[in-house]
Amino acid sequence: MTDDRVRCPWALSAQLNLDYHDTEWGRPVHGRDALFERICLEAFQSGLSWLTILRKRPAFRAAFAGFDVETVARFGESDEQRLLADAGIVRNRAKVRAAVNNARAVLDLDTDLATLLWSFAPASHRRPGEPADVPATTPESVAMAKELRRRGFAFVGPTTAYALMQATGIVNDHLVDCWVDTGVAASAGAGP
């Protein structure tokens, strides 16, 4: 770390975490493919450290065609075998299948992915004062997970949904004394 800025403690363990924290985490994301990437990466992270996913992110992007929804939705058995042989990513069959399944689910939506996800933004959300104040799930993340599963998504439980909400700025969980201001209002309301 090269400055005196106060940051969320999790960001201090490695330069990749710090860079992600300072430039990306908690900032609003609305693009379909960008949101799809976050859904996939949060699912792949399940049971692993986020640093592992950040280290593998370039390989994930290469392996999953830049997370282009149409391309991933067309992946078949040979693509699954290719992905499971790719040491650059997390080689978990259920997570690989979920990514392909979720691309297809995005294409089947009767609404825009951003509109759907952002509809679960809480009416109000206070930035946490300390790490212990950050929940693993919220009523909104439980509702989001339920709705995503209803619409055919896989590997999107309430904890993964909440991590997605944090990563994409649907909620701002930068600690109150953290220097990062994501621009997400304390009262986010609904809608992109």
C-alpha atoms as a PDB file:
ATOM      1  CA  MET A   1       0.000   0.000   0.000  1.00  0.00           C
ATOM      2  CA  THR A   2       1.412   3.348  -0.997  1.00  0.00           C
ATOM      3  CA  ASP A   3      -0.884   5.834   0.736  1.00  0.00           C
ATOM      4  CA  ASP A   4      -2.557   6.618   4.065  1.00  0.00           C
ATOM      5  CA  ARG A   5      -6.141   6.018   2.931  1.00  0.00           C
ATOM      6  CA  VAL A   6      -8.401   4.041   5.235  1.00  0.00           C
ATOM      7  CA  ARG A   7      -9.768   0.932   3.543  1.00  0.00           C
ATOM      8  CA  CYS A   8     -11.967  -2.022   4.342  1.00  0.00           C
ATOM      9  CA  PRO A   9      -9.700  -4.523   6.138  1.00  0.00           C
ATOM     10  CA  TRP A  10     -10.268  -7.348   3.634  1.00  0.00           C
ATOM     11  CA  ALA A  11      -8.615  -5.227   0.931  1.00  0.00           C
ATOM     12  CA  LEU A  12      -5.290  -5.076   2.748  1.00  0.00           C
ATOM     13  CA  SER A  13      -4.265  -8.728   2.372  1.00  0.00           C
ATOM     14  CA  ALA A  14      -2.927  -8.479  -1.198  1.00  0.00           C
ATOM     15  CA  GLN A  15      -2.387  -5.917  -3.948  1.00  0.00           C
ATOM     16  CA  LEU A  16      -5.045  -7.560  -6.154  1.00  0.00           C
ATOM     17  CA  ASN A  17      -7.606  -7.196  -3.374  1.00  0.00           C
ATOM     18  CA  LEU A  18      -6.582  -3.587  -2.823  1.00  0.00           C
ATOM     19  CA  ASP A  19      -6.838  -2.724  -6.517  1.00  0.00           C
ATOM     20  CA  TYR A  20     -10.229  -4.445  -6.813  1.00  0.00           C
ATOM     21  CA  HIS A  21     -11.481  -2.693  -3.672  1.00  0.00           C
ATOM     22  CA  ASP A  22     -10.288   0.733  -4.798  1.00  0.00           C
ATOM     23  CA  THR A  23     -11.484   0.619  -8.398  1.00  0.00           C
ATOM     24  CA  GLU A  24     -14.331  -1.852  -8.743  1.00  0.00           C
ATOM     25  CA  TRP A  25     -15.983  -3.369  -5.667  1.00  0.00           C
ATOM     26  CA  GLY A  26     -19.231  -1.683  -4.752  1.00  0.00           C
ATOM     27  CA  ARG A  27     -19.396   0.489  -7.836  1.00  0.00           C
ATOM     28  CA  PRO A  28     -22.649   0.271  -9.792  1.00  0.00           C
ATOM     29  CA  VAL A  29     -22.630  -2.260 -12.641  1.00  0.00           C
ATOM     30  CA  HIS A  30     -25.465  -2.322 -15.180  1.00  0.00           C
ATOM     31  CA  GLY A  31     -24.171  -3.996 -18.360  1.00  0.00           C
ATOM     32  CA  ARG A  32     -25.610  -7.424 -19.082  1.00  0.00           C
ATOM     33  CA  ASP A  33     -22.310  -9.198 -19.789  1.00  0.00           C
ATOM     34  CA  ALA A  34     -20.589  -7.432 -16.879  1.00  0.00           C
ATOM     35  CA  LEU A  35     -23.366  -8.548 -14.521  1.00  0.00           C
ATOM     36  CA  PHE A  36     -23.226 -12.063 -15.956  1.00  0.00           C
ATOM     37  CA  GLU A  37     -19.485 -12.133 -15.273  1.00  0.00           C
ATOM     38  CA  ARG A  38     -20.100 -11.130 -11.643  1.00  0.00           C
ATOM     39  CA  ILE A  39     -22.780 -13.827 -11.238  1.00  0.00           C
ATOM     40  CA  CYS A  40     -20.344 -16.421 -12.578  1.00  0.00           C
ATOM     41  CA  LEU A  41     -17.367 -15.270 -10.536  1.00  0.00           C
ATOM     42  CA  GLU A  42     -19.382 -15.095  -7.314  1.00  0.00           C
ATOM     43  CA  ALA A  43     -20.579 -18.652  -7.936  1.00  0.00           C
ATOM     44  CA  PHE A  44     -17.051 -19.874  -8.665  1.00  0.00           C
ATOM     45  CA  GLN A  45     -15.860 -18.133  -5.479  1.00  0.00           C
ATOM     46  CA  SER A  46     -18.231 -20.133  -3.290  1.00  0.00           C
ATOM     47  CA  GLY A  47     -16.062 -21.988  -0.777  1.00  0.00           C
ATOM     48  CA  LEU A  48     -12.880 -20.243  -1.921  1.00  0.00           C
ATOM     49  CA  SER A  49     -11.169 -16.933  -1.206  1.00  0.00           C
ATOM     50  CA  TRP A  50     -11.972 -13.971  -3.405  1.00  0.00           C
ATOM     51  CA  LEU A  51      -8.246 -13.532  -3.972  1.00  0.00           C
ATOM     52  CA  THR A  52      -8.181 -16.932  -5.700  1.00  0.00           C
ATOM     53  CA  ILE A  53     -10.873 -15.716  -8.104  1.00  0.00           C
ATOM     54  CA  LEU A  54      -9.118 -12.399  -8.747  1.00  0.00           C
ATOM     55  CA  ARG A  55      -5.890 -14.220  -9.569  1.00  0.00           C
ATOM     56  CA  LYS A  56      -7.745 -16.440 -12.028  1.00  0.00           C
ATOM     57  CA  ARG A  57      -9.979 -13.714 -13.471  1.00  0.00           C
ATOM     58  CA  PRO A  58      -7.963 -13.208 -16.688  1.00  0.00           C
ATOM     59  CA  ALA A  59      -8.080 -16.954 -17.324  1.00  0.00           C
ATOM     60  CA  PHE A  60     -11.818 -17.026 -16.574  1.00  0.00           C
ATOM     61  CA  ARG A  61     -12.375 -14.229 -19.069  1.00  0.00           C
ATOM     62  CA  ALA A  62     -10.407 -16.084 -21.732  1.00  0.00           C
ATOM     63  CA  ALA A  63     -12.077 -19.425 -21.004  1.00  0.00           C
ATOM     64  CA  PHE A  64     -15.591 -17.964 -20.985  1.00  0.00           C
ATOM     65  CA  ALA A  65     -15.259 -15.804 -24.106  1.00  0.00           C
ATOM     66  CA  GLY A  66     -15.164 -12.557 -22.139  1.00  0.00           C
ATOM     67  CA  PHE A  67     -18.426 -13.635 -20.465  1.00  0.00           C
ATOM     68  CA  ASP A  68     -20.340 -12.886 -23.651  1.00  0.00           C
ATOM     69  CA  VAL A  69     -23.761 -14.278 -22.769  1.00  0.00           C
ATOM     70  CA  GLU A  70     -24.683 -15.483 -26.267  1.00  0.00           C
ATOM     71  CA  THR A  71     -21.370 -17.282 -26.711  1.00  0.00           C
ATOM     72  CA  VAL A  72     -21.427 -18.979 -23.308  1.00  0.00           C
ATOM     73  CA  ALA A  73     -25.062 -20.010 -23.815  1.00  0.00           C
ATOM     74  CA  ARG A  74     -23.925 -21.993 -26.884  1.00  0.00           C
ATOM     75  CA  PHE A  75     -21.251 -23.907 -24.965  1.00  0.00           C
ATOM     76  CA  GLY A  76     -21.664 -27.663 -25.251  1.00  0.00           C
ATOM     77  CA  GLU A  77     -20.044 -30.829 -23.960  1.00  0.00           C
ATOM     78  CA  SER A  78     -16.711 -30.168 -25.677  1.00  0.00           C
ATOM     79  CA  ASP A  79     -16.571 -26.724 -24.071  1.00  0.00           C
ATOM     80  CA  GLU A  80     -17.321 -28.253 -20.676  1.00  0.00           C
ATOM     81  CA  GLN A  81     -14.447 -30.706 -21.124  1.00  0.00           C
ATOM     82  CA  ARG A  82     -12.166 -27.866 -22.240  1.00  0.00           C
ATOM     83  CA  LEU A  83     -13.085 -25.823 -19.167  1.00  0.00           C
ATOM     84  CA  LEU A  84     -12.615 -28.746 -16.795  1.00  0.00           C
ATOM     85  CA  ALA A  85      -9.121 -29.256 -18.228  1.00  0.00           C
ATOM     86  CA  ASP A  86      -8.196 -25.560 -17.875  1.00  0.00           C
ATOM     87  CA  ALA A  87      -5.899 -25.211 -14.851  1.00  0.00           C
ATOM     88  CA  GLY A  88      -6.227 -21.432 -15.071  1.00  0.00           C
ATOM     89  CA  ILE A  89      -9.791 -21.489 -13.727  1.00  0.00           C
ATOM     90  CA  VAL A  90     -11.630 -23.244 -10.919  1.00  0.00           C
ATOM     91  CA  ARG A  91     -12.332 -26.689 -12.334  1.00  0.00           C
ATOM     92  CA  ASN A  92     -15.591 -27.600 -10.679  1.00  0.00           C
ATOM     93  CA  ARG A  93     -18.117 -29.379 -12.893  1.00  0.00           C
ATOM     94  CA  ALA A  94     -21.175 -28.041 -11.051  1.00  0.00           C
ATOM     95  CA  LYS A  95     -19.905 -24.453 -11.245  1.00  0.00           C
ATOM     96  CA  VAL A  96     -18.952 -24.769 -14.924  1.00  0.00           C
ATOM     97  CA  ARG A  97     -22.391 -26.155 -15.730  1.00  0.00           C
ATOM     98  CA  ALA A  98     -24.013 -23.395 -13.677  1.00  0.00           C
ATOM     99  CA  ALA A  99     -22.191 -20.731 -15.704  1.00  0.00           C
ATOM    100  CA  VAL A 100     -23.461 -22.176 -19.000  1.00  0.00           C
ATOM    101  CA  ASN A 101     -26.925 -22.702 -17.543  1.00  0.00           C
ATOM    102  CA  ASN A 102     -26.990 -19.129 -16.236  1.00  0.00           C
ATOM    103  CA  ALA A 103     -26.060 -17.707 -19.630  1.00  0.00           C
ATOM    104  CA  ARG A 104     -29.049 -19.528 -21.068  1.00  0.00           C
ATOM    105  CA  ALA A 105     -31.216 -18.247 -18.205  1.00  0.00           C
ATOM    106  CA  VAL A 106     -30.137 -14.672 -18.974  1.00  0.00           C
ATOM    107  CA  LEU A 107     -31.251 -15.115 -22.583  1.00  0.00           C
ATOM    108  CA  ASP A 108     -34.589 -16.518 -21.407  1.00  0.00           C
ATOM    109  CA  LEU A 109     -35.370 -13.480 -19.230  1.00  0.00           C
ATOM    110  CA  ASP A 110     -38.434 -11.442 -20.080  1.00  0.00           C
ATOM    111  CA  THR A 111     -36.679  -8.369 -18.689  1.00  0.00           C
ATOM    112  CA  ASP A 112     -33.222  -6.851 -18.736  1.00  0.00           C
ATOM    113  CA  LEU A 113     -30.768  -8.537 -16.327  1.00  0.00           C
ATOM    114  CA  ALA A 114     -29.818  -5.195 -14.781  1.00  0.00           C
ATOM    115  CA  THR A 115     -33.457  -4.282 -14.205  1.00  0.00           C
ATOM    116  CA  LEU A 116     -34.068  -7.634 -12.549  1.00  0.00           C
ATOM    117  CA  LEU A 117     -31.023  -7.523 -10.256  1.00  0.00           C
ATOM    118  CA  TRP A 118     -31.362  -3.855  -9.330  1.00  0.00           C
ATOM    119  CA  SER A 119     -35.027  -4.380  -8.438  1.00  0.00           C
ATOM    120  CA  PHE A 120     -33.698  -6.006  -5.254  1.00  0.00           C
ATOM    121  CA  ALA A 121     -31.829  -2.904  -4.105  1.00  0.00           C
ATOM    122  CA  PRO A 122     -32.931  -2.181  -0.558  1.00  0.00           C
ATOM    123  CA  ALA A 123     -35.031   0.912   0.067  1.00  0.00           C
ATOM    124  CA  SER A 124     -32.337   2.013   2.500  1.00  0.00           C
ATOM    125  CA  HIS A 125     -28.914   0.686   3.386  1.00  0.00           C
ATOM    126  CA  ARG A 126     -26.390   2.011   5.862  1.00  0.00           C
ATOM    127  CA  ARG A 127     -22.716   1.536   5.314  1.00  0.00           C
ATOM    128  CA  PRO A 128     -21.375  -0.765   8.018  1.00  0.00           C
ATOM    129  CA  GLY A 129     -19.251   0.663  10.821  1.00  0.00           C
ATOM    130  CA  GLU A 130     -17.014  -2.379  11.164  1.00  0.00           C
ATOM    131  CA  PRO A 131     -16.541  -5.765   9.469  1.00  0.00           C
ATOM    132  CA  ALA A 132     -18.759  -7.513  12.026  1.00  0.00           C
ATOM    133  CA  ASP A 133     -21.647  -5.310  10.851  1.00  0.00           C
ATOM    134  CA  VAL A 134     -21.544  -6.730   7.301  1.00  0.00           C
ATOM    135  CA  PRO A 135     -24.245  -9.381   6.902  1.00  0.00           C
ATOM    136  CA  ALA A 136     -23.818 -12.606   4.943  1.00  0.00           C
ATOM    137  CA  THR A 137     -27.392 -12.377   3.698  1.00  0.00           C
ATOM    138  CA  THR A 138     -30.268  -9.927   3.813  1.00  0.00           C
ATOM    139  CA  PRO A 139     -33.988 -10.262   3.100  1.00  0.00           C
ATOM    140  CA  GLU A 140     -33.258  -8.714  -0.309  1.00  0.00           C
ATOM    141  CA  SER A 141     -30.533 -11.251  -1.132  1.00  0.00           C
ATOM    142  CA  VAL A 142     -32.822 -14.097  -0.057  1.00  0.00           C
ATOM    143  CA  ALA A 143     -35.536 -12.716  -2.352  1.00  0.00           C
ATOM    144  CA  MET A 144     -33.041 -12.219  -5.209  1.00  0.00           C
ATOM    145  CA  ALA A 145     -31.750 -15.781  -4.905  1.00  0.00           C
ATOM    146  CA  LYS A 146     -35.276 -17.162  -4.843  1.00  0.00           C
ATOM    147  CA  GLU A 147     -36.268 -15.181  -7.931  1.00  0.00           C
ATOM    148  CA  LEU A 148     -33.102 -16.098  -9.834  1.00  0.00           C
ATOM    149  CA  ARG A 149     -33.645 -19.790  -9.059  1.00  0.00           C
ATOM    150  CA  ARG A 150     -37.290 -19.451 -10.130  1.00  0.00           C
ATOM    151  CA  ARG A 151     -36.027 -18.089 -13.433  1.00  0.00           C
ATOM    152  CA  GLY A 152     -33.695 -21.050 -13.951  1.00  0.00           C
ATOM    153  CA  PHE A 153     -30.403 -19.756 -12.521  1.00  0.00           C
ATOM    154  CA  ALA A 154     -28.137 -22.121 -10.587  1.00  0.00           C
ATOM    155  CA  PHE A 155     -25.526 -21.652  -7.862  1.00  0.00           C
ATOM    156  CA  VAL A 156     -27.131 -18.429  -6.659  1.00  0.00           C
ATOM    157  CA  GLY A 157     -28.007 -18.882  -3.007  1.00  0.00           C
ATOM    158  CA  PRO A 158     -28.682 -15.962  -0.644  1.00  0.00           C
ATOM    159  CA  THR A 159     -25.011 -15.574   0.362  1.00  0.00           C
ATOM    160  CA  THR A 160     -23.836 -15.567  -3.249  1.00  0.00           C
ATOM    161  CA  ALA A 161     -26.642 -13.143  -4.119  1.00  0.00           C
ATOM    162  CA  TYR A 162     -25.536 -10.792  -1.347  1.00  0.00           C
ATOM    163  CA  ALA A 163     -21.913 -10.942  -2.498  1.00  0.00           C
ATOM    164  CA  LEU A 164     -23.204 -10.098  -5.989  1.00  0.00           C
ATOM    165  CA  MET A 165     -25.132  -7.140  -4.573  1.00  0.00           C
ATOM    166  CA  GLN A 166     -21.965  -5.894  -2.858  1.00  0.00           C
ATOM    167  CA  ALA A 167     -19.752  -6.401  -5.901  1.00  0.00           C
ATOM    168  CA  THR A 168     -22.115  -4.630  -8.293  1.00  0.00           C
ATOM    169  CA  GLY A 169     -22.974  -1.653  -6.100  1.00  0.00           C
ATOM    170  CA  ILE A 170     -26.560  -2.684  -5.427  1.00  0.00           C
ATOM    171  CA  VAL A 171     -25.504  -2.176  -1.818  1.00  0.00           C
ATOM    172  CA  ASN A 172     -22.543  -0.167  -0.576  1.00  0.00           C
ATOM    173  CA  ASP A 173     -20.741  -2.161   2.100  1.00  0.00           C
ATOM    174  CA  HIS A 174     -17.561  -0.104   2.171  1.00  0.00           C
ATOM    175  CA  LEU A 175     -17.091   0.654   5.852  1.00  0.00           C
ATOM    176  CA  VAL A 176     -18.099   4.160   6.935  1.00  0.00           C
ATOM    177  CA  ASP A 177     -14.486   5.215   7.432  1.00  0.00           C
ATOM    178  CA  CYS A 178     -13.301   3.718   4.107  1.00  0.00           C
ATOM    179  CA  TRP A 179     -12.138   6.340   1.623  1.00  0.00           C
ATOM    180  CA  VAL A 180     -14.086   4.815  -1.283  1.00  0.00           C
ATOM    181  CA  ASP A 181     -17.266   6.635  -2.212  1.00  0.00           C
ATOM    182  CA  THR A 182     -19.080   4.454  -4.732  1.00  0.00           C
ATOM    183  CA  GLY A 183     -21.774   6.960  -5.464  1.00  0.00           C
ATOM    184  CA  VAL A 184     -24.438   4.520  -4.276  1.00  0.00           C
ATOM    185  CA  ALA A 185     -26.855   6.508  -2.168  1.00  0.00           C
ATOM    186  CA  ALA A 186     -27.644   5.380   1.360  1.00  0.00           C
ATOM    187  CA  SER A 187     -31.240   5.075   0.182  1.00  0.00           C
ATOM    188  CA  ALA A 188     -30.749   3.203  -3.078  1.00  0.00           C
ATOM    189  CA  GLY A 189     -34.360   2.511  -3.873  1.00  0.00           C
ATOM    190  CA  ALA A 190     -35.115   0.261  -6.809  1.00  0.00           C
ATOM    191  CA  GLY A 191     -34.137   0.458 -10.422  1.00  0.00           C
ATOM    192  CA  PRO A 192     -30.960   0.881 -12.414  1.00  0.00           C
END
